[in-house]
C-alpha atoms as a PDB file:
ATOM      1  CA  MET A   1     122.144 171.451 133.190  1.00  0.00           C
ATOM      2  CA  GLY A   2     120.096 171.527 130.159  1.00  0.00           C
ATOM      3  CA  LEU A   3     117.267 173.480 132.098  1.00  0.00           C
ATOM      4  CA  TYR A   4     116.478 177.276 132.031  1.00  0.00           C
ATOM      5  CA  ARG A   5     114.316 179.320 134.165  1.00  0.00           C
ATOM      6  CA  ARG A   6     110.948 181.031 132.683  1.00  0.00           C
ATOM      7  CA  ASN A   7     108.165 182.184 134.943  1.00  0.00           C
ATOM      8  CA  ASP A   8     110.234 180.192 138.005  1.00  0.00           C
ATOM      9  CA  LEU A   9     109.223 176.901 135.867  1.00  0.00           C
ATOM     10  CA  ARG A  10     112.210 174.661 134.956  1.00  0.00           C
ATOM     11  CA  ILE A  11     111.754 173.748 131.036  1.00  0.00           C
ATOM     12  CA  PRO A  12     113.948 171.548 129.383  1.00  0.00           C
ATOM     13  CA  ARG A  13     115.730 172.700 126.231  1.00  0.00           C
ATOM     14  CA  ILE A  14     114.112 170.553 124.051  1.00  0.00           C
ATOM     15  CA  ILE A  15     111.387 172.807 124.088  1.00  0.00           C
ATOM     16  CA  ARG A  16     113.166 175.497 122.490  1.00  0.00           C
ATOM     17  CA  GLY A  17     112.495 173.328 119.455  1.00  0.00           C
ATOM     18  CA  MET A  18     109.057 173.741 119.570  1.00  0.00           C
ATOM     19  CA  ARG A  19     106.735 176.248 117.500  1.00  0.00           C
ATOM     20  CA  LYS A  20     105.018 179.417 118.879  1.00  0.00           C
ATOM     21  CA  ARG A  21     101.768 180.456 116.723  1.00  0.00           C
ATOM     22  CA  GLU A  22      99.867 183.123 118.076  1.00  0.00           C
ATOM     23  CA  GLY A  23     101.690 183.131 121.415  1.00  0.00           C
ATOM     24  CA  LYS A  24     100.806 179.487 122.153  1.00  0.00           C
ATOM     25  CA  ILE A  25     103.079 176.607 122.011  1.00  0.00           C
ATOM     26  CA  THR A  26     101.821 174.024 119.656  1.00  0.00           C
ATOM     27  CA  SER A  27     103.815 170.980 119.691  1.00  0.00           C
ATOM     28  CA  LEU A  28     107.265 169.748 118.764  1.00  0.00           C
ATOM     29  CA  ASN A  29     109.032 169.946 115.375  1.00  0.00           C
ATOM     30  CA  PRO A  30     108.078 166.339 113.409  1.00  0.00           C
ATOM     31  CA  ALA A  31     111.648 165.546 113.281  1.00  0.00           C
ATOM     32  CA  TRP A  32     111.575 165.244 117.170  1.00  0.00           C
ATOM     33  CA  TRP A  33     108.623 162.609 117.137  1.00  0.00           C
ATOM     34  CA  ILE A  34     110.698 160.619 114.430  1.00  0.00           C
ATOM     35  CA  ALA A  35     113.729 160.390 116.663  1.00  0.00           C
ATOM     36  CA  TYR A  36     111.922 159.605 119.461  1.00  0.00           C
ATOM     37  CA  GLY A  37     109.804 156.771 118.019  1.00  0.00           C
ATOM     38  CA  VAL A  38     113.361 155.483 116.555  1.00  0.00           C
ATOM     39  CA  LEU A  39     115.006 155.541 119.801  1.00  0.00           C
ATOM     40  CA  CYS A  40     111.906 153.638 121.588  1.00  0.00           C
ATOM     41  CA  GLY A  41     112.090 151.027 118.781  1.00  0.00           C
ATOM     42  CA  LEU A  42     115.624 150.288 119.280  1.00  0.00           C
ATOM     43  CA  GLY A  43     115.444 150.543 123.037  1.00  0.00           C
ATOM     44  CA  ALA A  44     112.238 147.870 122.679  1.00  0.00           C
ATOM     45  CA  ALA A  45     114.497 145.637 120.315  1.00  0.00           C
ATOM     46  CA  GLY A  46     117.376 145.553 122.535  1.00  0.00           C
ATOM     47  CA  LEU A  47     115.411 144.793 125.258  1.00  0.00           C
ATOM     48  CA  ILE A  48     113.700 141.708 123.338  1.00  0.00           C
ATOM     49  CA  LEU A  49     117.232 140.505 122.349  1.00  0.00           C
ATOM     50  CA  LEU A  50     118.768 140.749 126.193  1.00  0.00           C
ATOM     51  CA  LEU A  51     116.016 138.600 127.421  1.00  0.00           C
ATOM     52  CA  ALA A  52     115.549 136.013 124.567  1.00  0.00           C
ATOM     53  CA  ALA A  53     119.541 135.553 124.477  1.00  0.00           C
ATOM     54  CA  PRO A  54     120.738 132.376 126.261  1.00  0.00           C
ATOM     55  CA  ARG A  55     122.180 132.549 129.373  1.00  0.00           C
ATOM     56  CA  ARG A  56     125.816 132.587 129.343  1.00  0.00           C
ATOM     57  CA  GLY A  57     127.663 129.377 130.670  1.00  0.00           C
ATOM     58  CA  GLU A  58     124.813 127.032 129.378  1.00  0.00           C
ATOM     59  CA  PRO A  59     125.896 124.444 126.784  1.00  0.00           C
ATOM     60  CA  ILE A  60     124.439 124.521 123.411  1.00  0.00           C
ATOM     61  CA  GLN A  61     121.899 121.693 122.890  1.00  0.00           C
ATOM     62  CA  LEU A  62     122.668 119.665 119.858  1.00  0.00           C
ATOM     63  CA  LEU A  63     120.284 116.881 118.402  1.00  0.00           C
ATOM     64  CA  PRO A  64     121.963 113.633 117.566  1.00  0.00           C
ATOM     65  CA  ALA A  65     122.973 112.790 114.078  1.00  0.00           C
ATOM     66  CA  PRO A  66     120.475 110.414 112.268  1.00  0.00           C
ATOM     67  CA  THR A  67     122.031 106.564 112.407  1.00  0.00           C
ATOM     68  CA  ARG A  68     122.349 104.341 109.526  1.00  0.00           C
ATOM     69  CA  SER A  69     120.002 101.775 110.687  1.00  0.00           C
ATOM     70  CA  ALA A  70     117.327 104.193 110.672  1.00  0.00           C
ATOM     71  CA  THR A  71     117.811 104.754 107.237  1.00  0.00           C
ATOM     72  CA  SER A  72     117.828 100.796 105.948  1.00  0.00           C
ATOM     73  CA  ILE A  73     114.980 100.271 107.890  1.00  0.00           C
ATOM     74  CA  GLU A  74     113.300 103.048 106.219  1.00  0.00           C
ATOM     75  CA  LEU A  75     114.487 101.662 102.669  1.00  0.00           C
ATOM     76  CA  GLU A  76     113.257  98.101 103.465  1.00  0.00           C
ATOM     77  CA  ALA A  77     109.802  99.411 104.538  1.00  0.00           C
ATOM     78  CA  GLU A  78     109.229 101.609 101.196  1.00  0.00           C
ATOM     79  CA  ILE A  79     110.741  98.528  99.131  1.00  0.00           C
ATOM     80  CA  GLU A  80     107.894  95.977 100.909  1.00  0.00           C
ATOM     81  CA  GLN A  81     105.104  98.584 100.740  1.00  0.00           C
ATOM     82  CA  THR A  82     105.824 100.045  96.901  1.00  0.00           C
ATOM     83  CA  PRO A  83     103.128  98.261  94.918  1.00  0.00           C
ATOM     84  CA  ILE A  84     104.350  96.861  91.370  1.00  0.00           C
ATOM     85  CA  ALA A  85     101.589  97.187  88.864  1.00  0.00           C
ATOM     86  CA  SER A  86     103.484  94.951  86.429  1.00  0.00           C
ATOM     87  CA  PRO A  87     102.500  91.555  85.273  1.00  0.00           C
ATOM     88  CA  ILE A  88     106.207  90.296  86.050  1.00  0.00           C
ATOM     89  CA  PRO A  89     106.058  87.807  89.136  1.00  0.00           C
ATOM     90  CA  THR A  90     107.221  89.757  92.288  1.00  0.00           C
ATOM     91  CA  THR A  91     110.483  88.128  93.783  1.00  0.00           C
ATOM     92  CA  SER A  92     111.022  88.063  97.517  1.00  0.00           C
ATOM     93  CA  PHE A  93     114.621  89.140  98.880  1.00  0.00           C
ATOM     94  CA  PRO A  94     117.547  88.662  98.945  1.00  0.00           C
ATOM     95  CA  ILE A  95     117.824  88.661  95.120  1.00  0.00           C
ATOM     96  CA  ASN A  96     120.202  86.394  93.319  1.00  0.00           C
ATOM     97  CA  ILE A  97     122.389  88.718  91.441  1.00  0.00           C
ATOM     98  CA  ASN A  98     123.442  85.836  89.349  1.00  0.00           C
ATOM     99  CA  THR A  99     119.925  84.999  87.891  1.00  0.00           C
ATOM    100  CA  ALA A 100     118.279  88.365  88.417  1.00  0.00           C
ATOM    101  CA  THR A 101     117.095  90.184  85.318  1.00  0.00           C
ATOM    102  CA  ALA A 102     117.316  93.968  85.061  1.00  0.00           C
ATOM    103  CA  GLN A 103     113.731  94.657  86.040  1.00  0.00           C
ATOM    104  CA  GLU A 104     114.181  92.482  89.326  1.00  0.00           C
ATOM    105  CA  LEU A 105     117.948  94.339  89.916  1.00  0.00           C
ATOM    106  CA  GLU A 106     115.571  97.718  89.712  1.00  0.00           C
ATOM    107  CA  ARG A 107     114.123  96.859  92.788  1.00  0.00           C
ATOM    108  CA  LEU A 108     117.113  97.347  95.186  1.00  0.00           C
ATOM    109  CA  PRO A 109     117.518 100.505  96.715  1.00  0.00           C
ATOM    110  CA  GLY A 110     119.711 102.944  94.450  1.00  0.00           C
ATOM    111  CA  ILE A 111     119.519 100.764  91.315  1.00  0.00           C
ATOM    112  CA  GLY A 112     117.713 102.457  88.596  1.00  0.00           C
ATOM    113  CA  PRO A 113     117.177 101.212  85.033  1.00  0.00           C
ATOM    114  CA  THR A 114     120.822 102.299  83.707  1.00  0.00           C
ATOM    115  CA  LEU A 115     122.626 100.662  86.750  1.00  0.00           C
ATOM    116  CA  ALA A 116     120.686  97.435  86.509  1.00  0.00           C
ATOM    117  CA  GLN A 117     121.365  97.153  82.653  1.00  0.00           C
ATOM    118  CA  SER A 118     125.095  97.687  83.499  1.00  0.00           C
ATOM    119  CA  ILE A 119     125.370  94.778  86.165  1.00  0.00           C
ATOM    120  CA  VAL A 120     123.440  92.578  83.739  1.00  0.00           C
ATOM    121  CA  ALA A 121     125.886  93.438  81.029  1.00  0.00           C
ATOM    122  CA  TYR A 122     128.786  92.965  83.097  1.00  0.00           C
ATOM    123  CA  ARG A 123     127.784  89.511  84.536  1.00  0.00           C
ATOM    124  CA  GLU A 124     127.402  88.626  80.601  1.00  0.00           C
ATOM    125  CA  ALA A 125     130.871  89.996  79.697  1.00  0.00           C
ATOM    126  CA  HIS A 126     132.398  88.736  82.761  1.00  0.00           C
ATOM    127  CA  GLY A 127     130.432  85.492  84.093  1.00  0.00           C
ATOM    128  CA  LEU A 128     128.727  84.683  87.324  1.00  0.00           C
ATOM    129  CA  PHE A 129     129.715  86.487  90.253  1.00  0.00           C
ATOM    130  CA  ALA A 130     131.265  84.495  92.862  1.00  0.00           C
ATOM    131  CA  THR A 131     130.612  86.345  95.871  1.00  0.00           C
ATOM    132  CA  ILE A 132     128.240  89.665  96.665  1.00  0.00           C
ATOM    133  CA  ASP A 133     131.149  91.608  97.040  1.00  0.00           C
ATOM    134  CA  ASP A 134     132.163  91.077  92.992  1.00  0.00           C
ATOM    135  CA  ILE A 135     129.290  93.488  92.353  1.00  0.00           C
ATOM    136  CA  GLN A 136     131.775  96.070  93.420  1.00  0.00           C
ATOM    137  CA  ASN A 137     133.469  95.628  89.988  1.00  0.00           C
ATOM    138  CA  VAL A 138     130.796  96.981  87.896  1.00  0.00           C
ATOM    139  CA  PRO A 139     132.033 100.301  87.270  1.00  0.00           C
ATOM    140  CA  GLU A 140     129.133 102.450  88.562  1.00  0.00           C
ATOM    141  CA  ILE A 141     128.584 100.785  91.909  1.00  0.00           C
ATOM    142  CA  GLY A 142     130.915 102.313  94.848  1.00  0.00           C
ATOM    143  CA  PRO A 143     130.939 101.734  98.168  1.00  0.00           C
ATOM    144  CA  ARG A 144     127.989 103.417  98.990  1.00  0.00           C
ATOM    145  CA  THR A 145     125.983 101.576  96.524  1.00  0.00           C
ATOM    146  CA  TYR A 146     127.018  98.348  97.759  1.00  0.00           C
ATOM    147  CA  GLU A 147     126.213  99.198 101.392  1.00  0.00           C
ATOM    148  CA  GLY A 148     122.750 100.242 100.593  1.00  0.00           C
ATOM    149  CA  ILE A 149     122.071  96.942  98.535  1.00  0.00           C
ATOM    150  CA  MET A 150     124.333  94.176 100.327  1.00  0.00           C
ATOM    151  CA  PRO A 151     121.549  93.253 102.650  1.00  0.00           C
ATOM    152  CA  PHE A 152     119.240  92.622  99.733  1.00  0.00           C
ATOM    153  CA  ILE A 153     121.544  90.593  97.508  1.00  0.00           C
ATOM    154  CA  THR A 154     122.909  87.096  97.411  1.00  0.00           C
ATOM    155  CA  VAL A 155     124.562  84.723  94.681  1.00  0.00           C
ATOM    156  CA  ASP A 156     123.171  81.621  96.176  1.00  0.00           C
ATOM    157  CA  GLU A 157     121.140  79.266  94.000  1.00  0.00           C
ATOM    158  CA  PRO A 158     117.018  79.437  94.993  1.00  0.00           C
END
């Protein structure tokens, strides 16, 4: 079966690829060594993948999604810890959107200088806000921005 007799010894056929020099068998052809190395590497990689694969029948463990309340708490912490290096007196939350300046409105999460100017311009053009929901009438403020600033704004007089 793949073996032949030579001096009563069983010798594998692969030895036929060996070179003879001066009557001595020297070594296998380098191509055989490369093929042997590749096969050993593939076998080792397959064994590693087999051992590292999750067992069948076990469910995949997923992490829970982040909650909205954790994001709001982080925003509050960032707002309270941010030092302001301007000579403008600091205001506390909630901010009255009927009397706040553009610089005070910039302290709200998600409100930059351009959006703060838009809020002030809308208030000057259409009058005071009757409720905090009316701030959604400003063209650049959508539901997501409104949800982010809702806990920090008011329309009451100080």
